[in-house]
Amino acid sequence: MKAKKQLAGKILKVSPKKIRFMDSALEDVKKAITRSDMRGLIAVKKVTVANVNQHSRAGARKVAAQKKKGRQKGKGSKRGKKFSRVSRKEQWMARIRSQRVFLKDLREKQLLTVSDYRSLYRKCKGGYFRNKRHIKLYMTEHSMIKSK
């Protein structure tokens, strides 16, 4: 019967493991010698292909839902090099934009003089400040903040 399964597998272009013979047609299958005999049995559904196993996505959906909530995103889950997730340029863009918006707000509220604004702006452009908090710290140390 192993040879019969191999023959049917070659005809149907599937693995012999997926070939199923009907219990009532075992005698006919034993008599089938040629490819045409086997094709006849396939045509009358005495030889069939088992359903292909589907790989379930339930686990993947569950993980995706957890990641959407912010879980499973720790150090151990990260793949790739240091700057492959967020490039150096994107990090720089995010940092410089937040700093420039912060300086602009201070200038509009007239808490900074124009000269102080320009010097801080240039320092931001040069990468002097790490973040907004660093700018605030620098301003307090150099007493740049005007009181209204």
N, C-alpha and C. Protein backbone atom coordinates (compact mmCIF):
# COMPACT_ATOMS: atom_id res chain seq x y z
N MET A 1 0.82 -1.20 0.00
CA MET A 1 0.00 0.00 0.00
C MET A 1 0.87 1.27 0.00
N LYS A 2 2.10 1.12 0.48
CA LYS A 2 3.01 2.26 0.51
C LYS A 2 3.31 2.73 -0.92
N ALA A 3 3.53 1.77 -1.80
CA ALA A 3 3.81 2.11 -3.20
C ALA A 3 2.60 2.78 -3.84
N LYS A 4 1.40 2.32 -3.49
CA LYS A 4 0.15 2.90 -4.04
C LYS A 4 0.02 4.36 -3.59
N LYS A 5 0.35 4.60 -2.31
CA LYS A 5 0.27 5.97 -1.79
C LYS A 5 1.28 6.87 -2.51
N GLN A 6 2.46 6.33 -2.77
CA GLN A 6 3.48 7.11 -3.48
C GLN A 6 3.01 7.44 -4.90
N LEU A 7 2.41 6.45 -5.56
CA LEU A 7 1.90 6.65 -6.92
C LEU A 7 0.81 7.72 -6.93
N ALA A 8 -0.14 7.59 -6.01
CA ALA A 8 -1.22 8.58 -5.93
C ALA A 8 -0.68 9.96 -5.59
N GLY A 9 0.32 9.99 -4.70
CA GLY A 9 0.95 11.25 -4.32
C GLY A 9 1.59 11.94 -5.51
N LYS A 10 2.27 11.16 -6.36
CA LYS A 10 2.90 11.74 -7.54
C LYS A 10 1.85 12.28 -8.52
N ILE A 11 0.75 11.56 -8.66
CA ILE A 11 -0.32 12.01 -9.58
C ILE A 11 -0.96 13.30 -9.06
N LEU A 12 -1.27 13.31 -7.77
CA LEU A 12 -1.96 14.47 -7.18
C LEU A 12 -1.00 15.59 -6.75
N LYS A 13 0.32 15.32 -6.86
CA LYS A 13 1.36 16.29 -6.49
C LYS A 13 1.25 16.72 -5.03
N VAL A 14 1.09 15.71 -4.16
CA VAL A 14 1.11 15.94 -2.71
C VAL A 14 1.96 14.85 -2.07
N SER A 15 2.21 15.01 -0.79
CA SER A 15 2.97 14.02 -0.04
C SER A 15 2.17 12.72 0.09
N PRO A 16 2.84 11.56 0.05
CA PRO A 16 2.13 10.30 0.26
C PRO A 16 1.43 10.23 1.63
N LYS A 17 1.93 10.99 2.59
CA LYS A 17 1.31 11.01 3.92
C LYS A 17 -0.11 11.58 3.89
N LYS A 18 -0.39 12.38 2.87
CA LYS A 18 -1.71 13.03 2.80
C LYS A 18 -2.73 12.24 1.98
N ILE A 19 -2.32 11.13 1.42
CA ILE A 19 -3.22 10.31 0.62
C ILE A 19 -4.08 9.45 1.54
N ARG A 20 -5.39 9.42 1.27
CA ARG A 20 -6.33 8.60 2.06
C ARG A 20 -7.10 7.68 1.11
N PHE A 21 -7.16 6.38 1.50
CA PHE A 21 -7.95 5.41 0.74
C PHE A 21 -9.25 5.17 1.49
N MET A 22 -10.36 5.05 0.75
CA MET A 22 -11.62 4.70 1.40
C MET A 22 -11.55 3.25 1.87
N ASP A 23 -12.10 2.99 3.05
CA ASP A 23 -12.04 1.64 3.61
C ASP A 23 -12.73 0.61 2.71
N SER A 24 -13.82 1.02 2.07
CA SER A 24 -14.58 0.10 1.22
C SER A 24 -13.86 -0.20 -0.10
N ALA A 25 -12.86 0.63 -0.45
CA ALA A 25 -12.21 0.47 -1.75
C ALA A 25 -10.79 -0.09 -1.66
N LEU A 26 -10.43 -0.70 -0.54
CA LEU A 26 -9.07 -1.20 -0.37
C LEU A 26 -8.70 -2.29 -1.39
N GLU A 27 -9.67 -3.14 -1.71
CA GLU A 27 -9.43 -4.20 -2.70
C GLU A 27 -9.13 -3.59 -4.07
N ASP A 28 -9.92 -2.56 -4.45
CA ASP A 28 -9.70 -1.90 -5.75
C ASP A 28 -8.32 -1.24 -5.79
N VAL A 29 -7.94 -0.65 -4.66
CA VAL A 29 -6.63 0.03 -4.59
C VAL A 29 -5.51 -0.99 -4.74
N LYS A 30 -5.66 -2.17 -4.13
CA LYS A 30 -4.63 -3.21 -4.25
C LYS A 30 -4.48 -3.68 -5.69
N LYS A 31 -5.59 -3.71 -6.43
CA LYS A 31 -5.56 -4.16 -7.84
C LYS A 31 -4.98 -3.09 -8.77
N ALA A 32 -5.06 -1.82 -8.37
CA ALA A 32 -4.58 -0.72 -9.23
C ALA A 32 -3.07 -0.79 -9.34
N ILE A 33 -2.59 -0.94 -10.58
CA ILE A 33 -1.15 -1.08 -10.81
C ILE A 33 -0.61 0.14 -11.55
N THR A 34 -1.32 0.57 -12.56
CA THR A 34 -0.82 1.65 -13.41
C THR A 34 -1.32 3.02 -12.93
N ARG A 35 -0.73 4.03 -13.52
CA ARG A 35 -1.15 5.39 -13.22
C ARG A 35 -2.61 5.61 -13.64
N SER A 36 -2.98 5.07 -14.78
CA SER A 36 -4.36 5.26 -15.25
C SER A 36 -5.36 4.59 -14.31
N ASP A 37 -4.99 3.41 -13.74
CA ASP A 37 -5.85 2.76 -12.74
C ASP A 37 -6.05 3.71 -11.55
N MET A 38 -4.95 4.28 -11.09
CA MET A 38 -5.01 5.16 -9.92
C MET A 38 -5.83 6.42 -10.24
N ARG A 39 -5.66 6.95 -11.46
CA ARG A 39 -6.44 8.13 -11.86
C ARG A 39 -7.93 7.84 -11.85
N GLY A 40 -8.29 6.62 -12.26
CA GLY A 40 -9.71 6.21 -12.23
C GLY A 40 -10.24 6.20 -10.80
N LEU A 41 -9.45 5.66 -9.86
CA LEU A 41 -9.87 5.64 -8.44
C LEU A 41 -9.98 7.05 -7.87
N ILE A 42 -9.07 7.94 -8.32
CA ILE A 42 -9.13 9.34 -7.86
C ILE A 42 -10.40 9.99 -8.39
N ALA A 43 -10.74 9.68 -9.64
CA ALA A 43 -11.93 10.29 -10.26
C ALA A 43 -13.21 9.90 -9.54
N VAL A 44 -13.31 8.63 -9.06
CA VAL A 44 -14.53 8.19 -8.36
C VAL A 44 -14.42 8.39 -6.84
N LYS A 45 -13.44 9.19 -6.42
CA LYS A 45 -13.26 9.58 -5.01
C LYS A 45 -12.97 8.42 -4.06
N LYS A 46 -12.35 7.37 -4.58
CA LYS A 46 -11.95 6.27 -3.70
C LYS A 46 -10.56 6.55 -3.12
N VAL A 47 -9.82 7.42 -3.82
CA VAL A 47 -8.52 7.90 -3.32
C VAL A 47 -8.64 9.42 -3.22
N THR A 48 -8.39 9.96 -2.03
CA THR A 48 -8.53 11.40 -1.81
C THR A 48 -7.30 11.96 -1.10
N VAL A 49 -7.25 13.28 -1.05
CA VAL A 49 -6.19 13.98 -0.32
C VAL A 49 -6.78 14.49 0.98
N ALA A 50 -6.07 14.22 2.08
CA ALA A 50 -6.52 14.72 3.39
C ALA A 50 -6.42 16.23 3.41
N ASN A 51 -7.26 16.86 4.22
CA ASN A 51 -7.22 18.33 4.35
C ASN A 51 -5.84 18.77 4.84
N VAL A 52 -5.37 19.85 4.25
CA VAL A 52 -4.07 20.39 4.64
C VAL A 52 -4.20 21.01 6.03
N ASN A 53 -3.24 20.73 6.89
CA ASN A 53 -3.28 21.31 8.23
C ASN A 53 -3.07 22.82 8.14
N GLN A 54 -3.99 23.55 8.73
CA GLN A 54 -3.88 25.01 8.77
C GLN A 54 -3.16 25.39 10.05
N HIS A 55 -2.22 26.32 9.93
CA HIS A 55 -1.50 26.78 11.13
C HIS A 55 -2.33 27.87 11.78
N SER A 56 -2.70 27.67 13.02
CA SER A 56 -3.58 28.60 13.71
C SER A 56 -2.89 29.92 14.00
N ARG A 57 -3.63 31.03 13.82
CA ARG A 57 -3.10 32.36 14.13
C ARG A 57 -3.60 32.88 15.47
N ALA A 58 -4.26 32.02 16.22
CA ALA A 58 -4.83 32.45 17.51
C ALA A 58 -3.75 32.99 18.44
N GLY A 59 -2.64 32.28 18.52
CA GLY A 59 -1.53 32.70 19.38
C GLY A 59 -0.96 34.03 18.93
N ALA A 60 -0.81 34.20 17.61
CA ALA A 60 -0.26 35.44 17.06
C ALA A 60 -1.18 36.62 17.36
N ARG A 61 -2.49 36.39 17.26
CA ARG A 61 -3.46 37.45 17.57
C ARG A 61 -3.38 37.86 19.03
N LYS A 62 -3.24 36.84 19.89
CA LYS A 62 -3.15 37.09 21.34
C LYS A 62 -1.93 37.95 21.66
N VAL A 63 -0.78 37.58 21.07
CA VAL A 63 0.46 38.33 21.30
C VAL A 63 0.31 39.76 20.77
N ALA A 64 -0.31 39.91 19.58
CA ALA A 64 -0.49 41.23 18.99
C ALA A 64 -1.35 42.11 19.88
N ALA A 65 -2.41 41.51 20.47
CA ALA A 65 -3.29 42.26 21.37
C ALA A 65 -2.52 42.73 22.60
N GLN A 66 -1.67 41.86 23.14
CA GLN A 66 -0.87 42.22 24.32
C GLN A 66 0.12 43.34 23.97
N LYS A 67 0.73 43.24 22.77
CA LYS A 67 1.69 44.26 22.37
C LYS A 67 1.00 45.60 22.17
N LYS A 68 -0.25 45.56 21.70
CA LYS A 68 -1.02 46.78 21.51
C LYS A 68 -1.23 47.48 22.85
N LYS A 69 -1.36 46.68 23.91
CA LYS A 69 -1.52 47.23 25.27
C LYS A 69 -0.19 47.70 25.86
N GLY A 70 0.92 47.36 25.16
CA GLY A 70 2.24 47.78 25.65
C GLY A 70 2.99 46.69 26.37
N ARG A 71 2.44 45.48 26.40
CA ARG A 71 3.13 44.37 27.05
C ARG A 71 4.14 43.74 26.08
N GLN A 72 5.00 42.89 26.61
CA GLN A 72 5.93 42.09 25.81
C GLN A 72 6.82 42.94 24.90
N LYS A 73 7.21 44.11 25.40
CA LYS A 73 8.06 44.98 24.59
C LYS A 73 9.37 45.30 25.30
N GLY A 74 9.72 44.46 26.28
CA GLY A 74 10.94 44.70 27.05
C GLY A 74 12.20 44.37 26.26
N LYS A 75 13.33 44.44 26.95
CA LYS A 75 14.63 44.22 26.32
C LYS A 75 14.70 42.87 25.62
N GLY A 76 14.13 41.84 26.26
CA GLY A 76 14.24 40.48 25.73
C GLY A 76 13.46 40.26 24.45
N SER A 77 12.48 41.13 24.16
CA SER A 77 11.65 40.97 22.96
C SER A 77 12.20 41.75 21.77
N LYS A 78 13.19 42.60 22.01
CA LYS A 78 13.67 43.46 20.93
C LYS A 78 14.60 42.70 20.01
N ARG A 79 14.40 42.88 18.71
CA ARG A 79 15.22 42.22 17.70
C ARG A 79 15.95 43.31 16.92
N GLY A 80 17.11 42.98 16.41
CA GLY A 80 17.84 43.92 15.56
C GLY A 80 18.85 44.75 16.33
N LYS A 81 19.60 45.53 15.60
CA LYS A 81 20.66 46.35 16.17
C LYS A 81 20.07 47.54 16.93
N LYS A 82 20.96 48.27 17.58
CA LYS A 82 20.55 49.36 18.47
C LYS A 82 19.67 50.40 17.74
N PHE A 83 20.07 50.81 16.56
CA PHE A 83 19.35 51.87 15.86
C PHE A 83 18.50 51.34 14.70
N SER A 84 18.17 50.05 14.73
CA SER A 84 17.37 49.52 13.63
C SER A 84 15.88 49.80 13.84
N ARG A 85 15.44 49.96 15.09
CA ARG A 85 14.02 50.22 15.36
C ARG A 85 13.71 51.68 15.10
N VAL A 86 14.46 52.58 15.71
CA VAL A 86 14.33 54.01 15.45
C VAL A 86 15.72 54.52 15.11
N SER A 87 15.87 55.02 13.89
CA SER A 87 17.20 55.41 13.43
C SER A 87 17.72 56.63 14.20
N ARG A 88 19.02 56.83 14.12
CA ARG A 88 19.63 57.99 14.79
C ARG A 88 19.00 59.29 14.31
N LYS A 89 18.74 59.35 13.02
CA LYS A 89 18.18 60.57 12.45
C LYS A 89 16.78 60.83 12.99
N GLU A 90 15.95 59.79 13.06
CA GLU A 90 14.59 59.96 13.59
C GLU A 90 14.63 60.38 15.04
N GLN A 91 15.56 59.81 15.82
CA GLN A 91 15.70 60.21 17.22
C GLN A 91 16.09 61.68 17.31
N TRP A 92 17.04 62.09 16.47
CA TRP A 92 17.49 63.48 16.45
C TRP A 92 16.33 64.40 16.09
N MET A 93 15.55 64.02 15.06
CA MET A 93 14.43 64.85 14.61
C MET A 93 13.42 65.05 15.73
N ALA A 94 13.09 63.97 16.44
CA ALA A 94 12.13 64.06 17.53
C ALA A 94 12.65 64.98 18.63
N ARG A 95 13.93 64.84 18.96
CA ARG A 95 14.53 65.63 20.04
C ARG A 95 14.59 67.11 19.67
N ILE A 96 15.08 67.41 18.48
CA ILE A 96 15.28 68.81 18.07
C ILE A 96 13.93 69.51 17.90
N ARG A 97 12.93 68.78 17.41
CA ARG A 97 11.60 69.38 17.23
C ARG A 97 10.99 69.77 18.56
N SER A 98 11.09 68.85 19.54
CA SER A 98 10.51 69.17 20.86
C SER A 98 11.24 70.35 21.49
N GLN A 99 12.56 70.42 21.32
CA GLN A 99 13.34 71.53 21.89
C GLN A 99 12.98 72.85 21.23
N ARG A 100 12.84 72.84 19.92
CA ARG A 100 12.52 74.08 19.20
C ARG A 100 11.12 74.57 19.54
N VAL A 101 10.18 73.64 19.67
CA VAL A 101 8.81 74.02 20.05
C VAL A 101 8.83 74.65 21.45
N PHE A 102 9.60 74.05 22.35
CA PHE A 102 9.72 74.55 23.72
C PHE A 102 10.27 75.98 23.72
N LEU A 103 11.35 76.21 22.96
CA LEU A 103 11.94 77.55 22.88
C LEU A 103 10.98 78.55 22.27
N LYS A 104 10.26 78.13 21.26
CA LYS A 104 9.30 79.00 20.59
C LYS A 104 8.21 79.44 21.57
N ASP A 105 7.72 78.47 22.38
CA ASP A 105 6.68 78.79 23.37
C ASP A 105 7.20 79.81 24.38
N LEU A 106 8.42 79.61 24.85
CA LEU A 106 9.00 80.54 25.81
C LEU A 106 9.14 81.94 25.21
N ARG A 107 9.54 82.00 23.93
CA ARG A 107 9.70 83.30 23.26
C ARG A 107 8.35 83.99 23.10
N GLU A 108 7.31 83.20 22.73
CA GLU A 108 5.97 83.79 22.55
C GLU A 108 5.38 84.28 23.86
N LYS A 109 5.68 83.58 24.95
CA LYS A 109 5.21 84.01 26.29
C LYS A 109 6.09 85.12 26.85
N GLN A 110 7.11 85.53 26.09
CA GLN A 110 8.05 86.58 26.44
C GLN A 110 8.79 86.27 27.75
N LEU A 111 9.12 85.01 27.93
CA LEU A 111 9.94 84.60 29.07
C LEU A 111 11.42 84.57 28.71
N LEU A 112 11.71 84.74 27.42
CA LEU A 112 13.09 84.76 26.93
C LEU A 112 13.33 86.02 26.12
N THR A 113 14.49 86.60 26.24
CA THR A 113 14.85 87.70 25.35
C THR A 113 15.21 87.10 23.99
N VAL A 114 15.21 87.96 22.98
CA VAL A 114 15.50 87.48 21.62
C VAL A 114 16.93 86.95 21.55
N SER A 115 17.87 87.62 22.20
CA SER A 115 19.27 87.19 22.15
C SER A 115 19.45 85.85 22.86
N ASP A 116 18.77 85.68 24.02
CA ASP A 116 18.85 84.40 24.73
C ASP A 116 18.22 83.28 23.90
N TYR A 117 17.10 83.62 23.26
CA TYR A 117 16.42 82.64 22.39
C TYR A 117 17.37 82.17 21.30
N ARG A 118 18.05 83.15 20.65
CA ARG A 118 18.94 82.79 19.54
C ARG A 118 20.10 81.93 20.02
N SER A 119 20.67 82.28 21.18
CA SER A 119 21.82 81.50 21.68
C SER A 119 21.38 80.08 22.04
N LEU A 120 20.22 79.96 22.67
CA LEU A 120 19.71 78.63 23.03
C LEU A 120 19.37 77.82 21.78
N TYR A 121 18.79 78.50 20.79
CA TYR A 121 18.41 77.84 19.53
C TYR A 121 19.66 77.25 18.87
N ARG A 122 20.74 78.06 18.85
CA ARG A 122 21.98 77.59 18.23
C ARG A 122 22.58 76.43 19.01
N LYS A 123 22.49 76.49 20.35
CA LYS A 123 23.00 75.40 21.18
C LYS A 123 22.21 74.11 20.90
N CYS A 124 20.89 74.25 20.73
CA CYS A 124 20.05 73.09 20.39
C CYS A 124 20.51 72.49 19.06
N LYS A 125 20.72 73.40 18.10
CA LYS A 125 21.12 72.95 16.77
C LYS A 125 22.46 72.22 16.82
N GLY A 126 23.32 72.63 17.71
CA GLY A 126 24.63 72.00 17.85
C GLY A 126 24.62 70.74 18.68
N GLY A 127 23.45 70.37 19.20
CA GLY A 127 23.33 69.13 19.98
C GLY A 127 23.83 69.27 21.41
N TYR A 128 23.81 70.51 21.92
CA TYR A 128 24.32 70.78 23.28
C TYR A 128 23.38 70.18 24.33
N PHE A 129 22.07 70.27 24.09
CA PHE A 129 21.09 69.83 25.09
C PHE A 129 20.61 68.42 24.81
N ARG A 130 20.44 67.66 25.89
CA ARG A 130 19.93 66.28 25.77
C ARG A 130 18.42 66.26 25.55
N ASN A 131 17.73 67.17 26.26
CA ASN A 131 16.26 67.18 26.22
C ASN A 131 15.75 68.52 26.74
N LYS A 132 14.43 68.67 26.86
CA LYS A 132 13.82 69.91 27.33
C LYS A 132 14.25 70.23 28.77
N ARG A 133 14.32 69.19 29.58
CA ARG A 133 14.67 69.38 30.98
C ARG A 133 16.08 69.96 31.11
N HIS A 134 16.95 69.51 30.23
CA HIS A 134 18.32 70.02 30.22
C HIS A 134 18.33 71.51 29.88
N ILE A 135 17.46 71.92 28.95
CA ILE A 135 17.36 73.34 28.59
C ILE A 135 16.90 74.15 29.81
N LYS A 136 15.87 73.64 30.50
CA LYS A 136 15.35 74.33 31.70
C LYS A 136 16.45 74.49 32.74
N LEU A 137 17.20 73.43 32.96
CA LEU A 137 18.29 73.45 33.93
C LEU A 137 19.33 74.50 33.55
N TYR A 138 19.70 74.53 32.28
CA TYR A 138 20.68 75.50 31.79
C TYR A 138 20.17 76.92 32.00
N MET A 139 18.88 77.14 31.69
CA MET A 139 18.29 78.48 31.82
C MET A 139 18.27 78.94 33.27
N THR A 140 17.96 78.04 34.19
CA THR A 140 17.94 78.44 35.61
C THR A 140 19.37 78.72 36.11
N GLU A 141 20.33 77.92 35.69
CA GLU A 141 21.72 78.14 36.11
C GLU A 141 22.26 79.47 35.60
N HIS A 142 21.85 79.86 34.38
CA HIS A 142 22.34 81.10 33.78
C HIS A 142 21.33 82.24 33.93
N SER A 143 20.31 82.02 34.74
CA SER A 143 19.23 82.99 35.04
C SER A 143 18.76 83.73 33.78
N MET A 144 18.25 82.95 32.84
CA MET A 144 17.76 83.50 31.59
C MET A 144 16.25 83.75 31.62
N ILE A 145 15.54 83.09 32.50
CA ILE A 145 14.08 83.20 32.51
C ILE A 145 13.69 84.55 33.10
N LYS A 146 12.90 85.29 32.30
CA LYS A 146 12.38 86.57 32.79
C LYS A 146 11.07 86.32 33.51
N SER A 147 10.81 87.06 34.57
CA SER A 147 9.49 86.98 35.22
C SER A 147 8.61 88.06 34.65
N LYS A 148 7.34 87.76 34.42
CA LYS A 148 6.42 88.72 33.79
C LYS A 148 6.13 89.88 34.72
